[in-house]
Amino acid sequence: MGDPVSALWADVEAIRARNPLVHNITNYVVMNTTANALLAIGASPVMAHAEEEVEAMVDLAAALVVNIGTLSPHWVRAMERAMRRAAERSIPIVLDPVGAGATRYRTETVRALLRVATPAVIRGNASEIAALAGAMVRTRGVDSTIASEEALDLARALSGELDCVVCVSGQTDYVAQGDRIWTVRNGHPLMARVTGMGCTATALCGAFLAVNPDPGQATAHAMAVMGIAGELAAERAEGPGSLQMRFLDALYRLSQSDVRARLCME
């Protein structure tokens, strides 16, 4: 086992050096937030969801992020086309099943997308992951009704069933890849008061997958950087509004010494 700080920092440096294009088909609520977060960490975001161009955009991308937060039929068709093209070209896919379990449409849409292509990573809250795993758990809108540790066994089972990485985010983040488990305890409670933080974590997973061929490690690194930036931002924030601004600054200014001082990953 090498130094986890050095391994994580190598990914950050690679993102900043390569400026990978991350193609996002995401929701109306978070487009600006996630684009700015990707820019701050050093990636290049594009938000393209028209059926007529998603395949061409995937061809240019180093990773594809699919987020079902604001669903409509034409967006679903675009997601299917983009995921199919990414799978054909071996471009890593990150899938965020926002609100899975809240309505039948959301849950069935995610399952249909999984039949189109297997993502490298599924990242969601505990209720969303439990719903995908078939557990009788309701999602309250897009919020989880259970703690992340309650979904860990389900995440491991889902990872084995689909042969992909499954990340459960919450007060503690868990990344399951078969028998491998990463536990990330970075973050701050104020982050839950800012909309789109989970979606931002998904987008950052895309940036890390673009430079690291190990999807489990890449996801754990993304979640740790997300949490560390949140901690740094919260120390100077006066509330949710200033946290969002300072979070972007923390991603942009993140240093290896910040990571070494704060990383809480097993």
Protein backbone atom coordinates (compact mmCIF):
# COMPACT_ATOMS: atom_id res chain seq x y z
CA MET A 1 0.00 0.00 0.00
CA GLY A 2 1.41 3.38 -0.97
CA ASP A 3 0.89 6.71 0.69
CA PRO A 4 -2.84 7.55 0.28
CA VAL A 5 -2.11 11.28 0.31
CA SER A 6 0.40 10.97 -2.53
CA ALA A 7 -1.98 8.79 -4.55
CA LEU A 8 -4.85 11.24 -4.12
CA TRP A 9 -2.65 14.22 -4.90
CA ALA A 10 -1.36 12.56 -8.07
CA ASP A 11 -4.96 12.49 -9.30
CA VAL A 12 -5.48 16.19 -8.50
CA GLU A 13 -2.28 17.10 -10.32
CA ALA A 14 -3.32 14.98 -13.30
CA ILE A 15 -6.70 16.74 -13.51
CA ARG A 16 -5.02 20.14 -13.37
CA ALA A 17 -2.44 19.17 -15.98
CA ARG A 18 -4.73 17.39 -18.44
CA ASN A 19 -7.89 19.52 -18.08
CA PRO A 20 -10.12 16.53 -19.01
CA LEU A 21 -13.46 17.21 -20.68
CA VAL A 22 -16.32 15.91 -18.53
CA HIS A 23 -19.64 15.62 -20.36
CA ASN A 24 -22.60 16.17 -18.04
CA ILE A 25 -26.22 15.34 -18.72
CA THR A 26 -27.47 16.71 -15.45
CA ASN A 27 -30.34 18.61 -13.90
CA TYR A 28 -31.46 22.23 -14.13
CA VAL A 29 -30.87 22.86 -10.43
CA VAL A 30 -27.14 22.10 -10.40
CA MET A 31 -25.75 22.86 -13.85
CA ASN A 32 -24.01 26.08 -12.84
CA THR A 33 -22.79 24.67 -9.52
CA THR A 34 -21.31 21.49 -10.94
CA ALA A 35 -19.75 23.26 -13.92
CA ASN A 36 -18.01 25.70 -11.59
CA ALA A 37 -16.81 22.89 -9.32
CA LEU A 38 -15.30 21.04 -12.28
CA LEU A 39 -13.57 24.21 -13.43
CA ALA A 40 -12.28 24.86 -9.92
CA ILE A 41 -10.66 21.43 -9.58
CA GLY A 42 -9.10 21.80 -13.05
CA ALA A 43 -11.42 19.87 -15.36
CA SER A 44 -13.36 21.19 -18.35
CA PRO A 45 -17.16 20.82 -18.07
CA VAL A 46 -19.69 20.64 -20.86
CA MET A 47 -23.45 20.45 -20.30
CA ALA A 48 -24.99 18.95 -23.43
CA HIS A 49 -28.31 17.11 -23.38
CA ALA A 50 -29.80 17.44 -26.87
CA GLU A 51 -30.36 14.06 -28.49
CA GLU A 52 -28.89 15.42 -31.71
CA GLU A 53 -25.43 16.03 -30.23
CA VAL A 54 -24.84 13.86 -27.17
CA GLU A 55 -23.07 11.10 -29.08
CA ALA A 56 -20.71 13.56 -30.75
CA MET A 57 -19.99 15.19 -27.40
CA VAL A 58 -19.28 11.84 -25.77
CA ASP A 59 -16.70 11.23 -28.50
CA LEU A 60 -14.79 14.28 -27.24
CA ALA A 61 -15.08 13.52 -23.54
CA ALA A 62 -12.86 11.73 -21.02
CA ALA A 63 -15.85 10.87 -18.80
CA LEU A 64 -19.66 10.99 -18.92
CA VAL A 65 -21.79 12.04 -15.94
CA VAL A 66 -25.51 11.18 -16.06
CA ASN A 67 -27.76 12.70 -13.39
CA ILE A 68 -31.53 12.10 -13.40
CA GLY A 69 -32.48 14.99 -11.11
CA THR A 70 -34.93 16.72 -13.47
CA LEU A 71 -36.29 14.01 -15.73
CA SER A 72 -38.20 14.34 -18.96
CA PRO A 73 -38.61 11.85 -21.80
CA HIS A 74 -36.32 13.60 -24.29
CA TRP A 75 -33.57 13.83 -21.67
CA VAL A 76 -33.95 10.13 -20.91
CA ARG A 77 -33.52 9.33 -24.60
CA ALA A 78 -30.41 11.51 -24.68
CA MET A 79 -29.02 9.72 -21.62
CA GLU A 80 -29.57 6.35 -23.28
CA ARG A 81 -27.81 7.44 -26.46
CA ALA A 82 -24.90 8.98 -24.55
CA MET A 83 -24.43 5.97 -22.28
CA ARG A 84 -24.55 3.55 -25.20
CA ARG A 85 -21.91 5.57 -27.06
CA ALA A 86 -19.68 5.88 -23.99
CA ALA A 87 -19.83 2.12 -23.46
CA GLU A 88 -18.88 1.51 -27.10
CA ARG A 89 -15.86 3.81 -26.69
CA SER A 90 -14.88 2.60 -23.18
CA ILE A 91 -15.42 6.06 -21.72
CA PRO A 92 -16.19 5.83 -17.98
CA ILE A 93 -19.75 6.65 -16.93
CA VAL A 94 -20.88 7.99 -13.56
CA LEU A 95 -24.60 7.58 -12.84
CA ASP A 96 -26.41 9.59 -10.16
CA PRO A 97 -29.87 8.08 -9.46
CA VAL A 98 -31.31 11.25 -7.91
CA GLY A 99 -34.57 10.49 -6.12
CA ALA A 100 -34.65 6.79 -7.00
CA GLY A 101 -37.26 5.22 -4.77
CA ALA A 102 -39.34 8.40 -4.56
CA THR A 103 -41.45 7.66 -7.65
CA ARG A 104 -41.90 4.68 -9.92
CA TYR A 105 -40.81 6.75 -12.94
CA ARG A 106 -37.45 7.60 -11.40
CA THR A 107 -36.72 4.09 -10.24
CA GLU A 108 -37.74 2.51 -13.53
CA THR A 109 -35.75 5.08 -15.50
CA VAL A 110 -32.56 4.26 -13.63
CA ARG A 111 -33.09 0.55 -14.11
CA ALA A 112 -33.69 1.11 -17.83
CA LEU A 113 -30.45 3.12 -18.08
CA LEU A 114 -28.58 0.30 -16.36
CA ARG A 115 -29.83 -2.06 -19.07
CA VAL A 116 -28.35 0.23 -21.72
CA ALA A 117 -24.83 0.31 -20.24
CA THR A 118 -23.10 -0.51 -16.99
CA PRO A 119 -21.58 2.60 -15.43
CA ALA A 120 -18.14 2.59 -13.89
CA VAL A 121 -19.64 4.24 -10.81
CA ILE A 122 -23.08 4.71 -9.29
CA ARG A 123 -23.09 7.46 -6.65
CA GLY A 124 -26.15 8.21 -4.55
CA ASN A 125 -27.44 8.69 -1.06
CA ALA A 126 -28.39 5.72 1.10
CA SER A 127 -32.08 5.66 0.15
CA GLU A 128 -31.30 5.88 -3.57
CA ILE A 129 -28.79 3.03 -3.42
CA ALA A 130 -31.15 0.93 -1.32
CA ALA A 131 -33.96 1.49 -3.83
CA LEU A 132 -31.74 0.34 -6.70
CA ALA A 133 -30.79 -2.72 -4.70
CA GLY A 134 -34.47 -3.60 -4.34
CA ALA A 135 -34.92 -2.73 -0.66
CA MET A 136 -38.28 -1.39 0.49
CA VAL A 137 -36.99 2.07 1.35
CA ARG A 138 -38.72 5.31 0.43
CA THR A 139 -36.81 8.42 -0.60
CA ARG A 140 -38.10 11.73 0.74
CA GLY A 141 -37.95 13.75 -2.46
CA VAL A 142 -34.23 13.65 -3.18
CA ASP A 143 -33.22 13.25 0.49
CA SER A 144 -32.22 10.02 2.17
CA THR A 145 -34.38 8.57 4.92
CA ILE A 146 -31.63 6.24 6.20
CA ALA A 147 -27.97 6.67 7.17
CA SER A 148 -25.20 5.71 4.77
CA GLU A 149 -23.97 2.83 6.95
CA GLU A 150 -27.42 1.24 6.74
CA ALA A 151 -26.98 0.86 2.98
CA LEU A 152 -23.41 -0.44 2.98
CA ASP A 153 -24.32 -4.12 2.65
CA LEU A 154 -26.81 -3.27 -0.09
CA ALA A 155 -24.12 -1.24 -1.88
CA ARG A 156 -21.74 -4.17 -1.74
CA ALA A 157 -24.40 -6.49 -3.12
CA LEU A 158 -25.29 -4.05 -5.90
CA SER A 159 -21.61 -3.62 -6.77
CA GLY A 160 -21.26 -7.38 -7.12
CA GLU A 161 -24.45 -7.74 -9.12
CA LEU A 162 -23.61 -4.99 -11.62
CA ASP A 163 -19.81 -5.32 -11.54
CA CYS A 164 -19.32 -1.62 -10.91
CA VAL A 165 -18.36 0.73 -8.10
CA VAL A 166 -21.19 1.86 -5.83
CA CYS A 167 -20.69 4.95 -3.67
CA VAL A 168 -23.05 5.75 -0.79
CA SER A 169 -22.69 9.33 0.38
CA GLY A 170 -23.75 10.70 3.74
CA GLN A 171 -22.17 11.78 7.00
CA THR A 172 -19.69 9.00 6.20
CA ASP A 173 -19.10 8.08 2.57
CA TYR A 174 -18.63 4.45 1.55
CA VAL A 175 -17.19 3.27 -1.76
CA ALA A 176 -17.79 -0.39 -2.58
CA GLN A 177 -15.99 -2.25 -5.34
CA GLY A 178 -16.55 -5.96 -4.87
CA ASP A 179 -14.68 -6.93 -1.69
CA ARG A 180 -12.89 -3.57 -1.51
CA ILE A 181 -14.39 -0.88 0.70
CA TRP A 182 -13.18 2.69 1.15
CA THR A 183 -14.52 4.74 4.04
CA VAL A 184 -14.29 8.54 3.83
CA ARG A 185 -15.10 10.62 6.88
CA ASN A 186 -14.31 14.07 5.51
CA GLY A 187 -16.99 16.77 5.20
CA HIS A 188 -19.02 19.22 7.26
CA PRO A 189 -22.73 19.28 8.28
CA LEU A 190 -23.25 22.70 6.65
CA MET A 191 -22.73 21.09 3.25
CA ALA A 192 -26.17 19.48 3.59
CA ARG A 193 -27.69 22.98 3.61
CA VAL A 194 -26.49 23.74 0.07
CA THR A 195 -28.46 22.25 -2.81
CA GLY A 196 -26.58 20.13 -5.29
CA MET A 197 -23.65 19.07 -3.12
CA GLY A 198 -24.35 15.40 -3.88
CA CYS A 199 -24.58 16.17 -7.58
CA THR A 200 -21.29 18.06 -7.30
CA ALA A 201 -19.68 14.98 -5.77
CA THR A 202 -20.91 12.96 -8.75
CA ALA A 203 -19.41 15.46 -11.19
CA LEU A 204 -16.08 15.37 -9.35
CA CYS A 205 -16.13 11.57 -9.60
CA GLY A 206 -16.23 12.06 -13.36
CA ALA A 207 -13.13 14.27 -13.25
CA PHE A 208 -11.18 11.75 -11.18
CA LEU A 209 -12.30 8.83 -13.36
CA ALA A 210 -10.98 10.74 -16.36
CA VAL A 211 -7.41 10.47 -15.00
CA ASN A 212 -7.42 7.34 -12.83
CA PRO A 213 -8.19 3.93 -14.38
CA ASP A 214 -9.06 2.42 -10.97
CA PRO A 215 -12.71 3.44 -10.53
CA GLY A 216 -12.88 2.56 -6.84
CA GLN A 217 -9.81 4.55 -5.91
CA ALA A 218 -10.83 7.44 -8.19
CA THR A 219 -14.24 7.63 -6.52
CA ALA A 220 -12.77 7.54 -3.02
CA HIS A 221 -10.36 10.31 -3.97
CA ALA A 222 -13.18 12.44 -5.37
CA MET A 223 -15.28 12.01 -2.23
CA ALA A 224 -12.32 12.85 0.01
CA VAL A 225 -11.51 16.02 -1.97
CA MET A 226 -15.17 16.99 -1.82
CA GLY A 227 -15.20 16.57 1.95
CA ILE A 228 -11.90 18.35 2.55
CA ALA A 229 -13.00 21.32 0.44
CA GLY A 230 -16.22 21.41 2.45
CA GLU A 231 -14.30 21.48 5.71
CA LEU A 232 -12.04 24.28 4.51
CA ALA A 233 -15.03 26.27 3.27
CA ALA A 234 -17.03 25.81 6.47
CA GLU A 235 -14.25 27.24 8.61
CA ARG A 236 -14.75 30.65 7.00
CA ALA A 237 -18.40 30.51 5.94
CA GLU A 238 -21.16 32.42 7.73
CA GLY A 239 -23.91 30.21 6.32
CA PRO A 240 -24.93 28.16 3.27
CA GLY A 241 -24.52 31.03 0.79
CA SER A 242 -20.94 31.83 1.69
CA LEU A 243 -20.16 28.13 2.05
CA GLN A 244 -20.99 27.59 -1.61
CA MET A 245 -18.68 30.42 -2.67
CA ARG A 246 -15.87 29.34 -0.35
CA PHE A 247 -16.25 25.71 -1.41
CA LEU A 248 -15.33 26.62 -4.99
CA ASP A 249 -12.37 28.65 -3.72
CA ALA A 250 -11.25 25.70 -1.58
CA LEU A 251 -11.33 23.35 -4.58
CA TYR A 252 -9.34 25.84 -6.63
CA ARG A 253 -6.76 26.52 -3.90
CA LEU A 254 -6.52 22.94 -2.60
CA SER A 255 -2.94 21.97 -1.73
CA GLN A 256 -1.19 18.74 -0.89
CA SER A 257 -0.64 20.05 2.64
CA ASP A 258 -4.42 20.51 3.01
CA VAL A 259 -4.93 16.90 2.01
CA ARG A 260 -2.17 15.61 4.31
CA ALA A 261 -3.56 17.55 7.27
CA ARG A 262 -7.18 16.52 6.79
CA LEU A 263 -7.55 13.26 4.87
CA CYS A 264 -9.70 10.80 6.79
CA MET A 265 -9.95 7.82 4.42
CA GLU A 266 -9.55 4.13 5.10
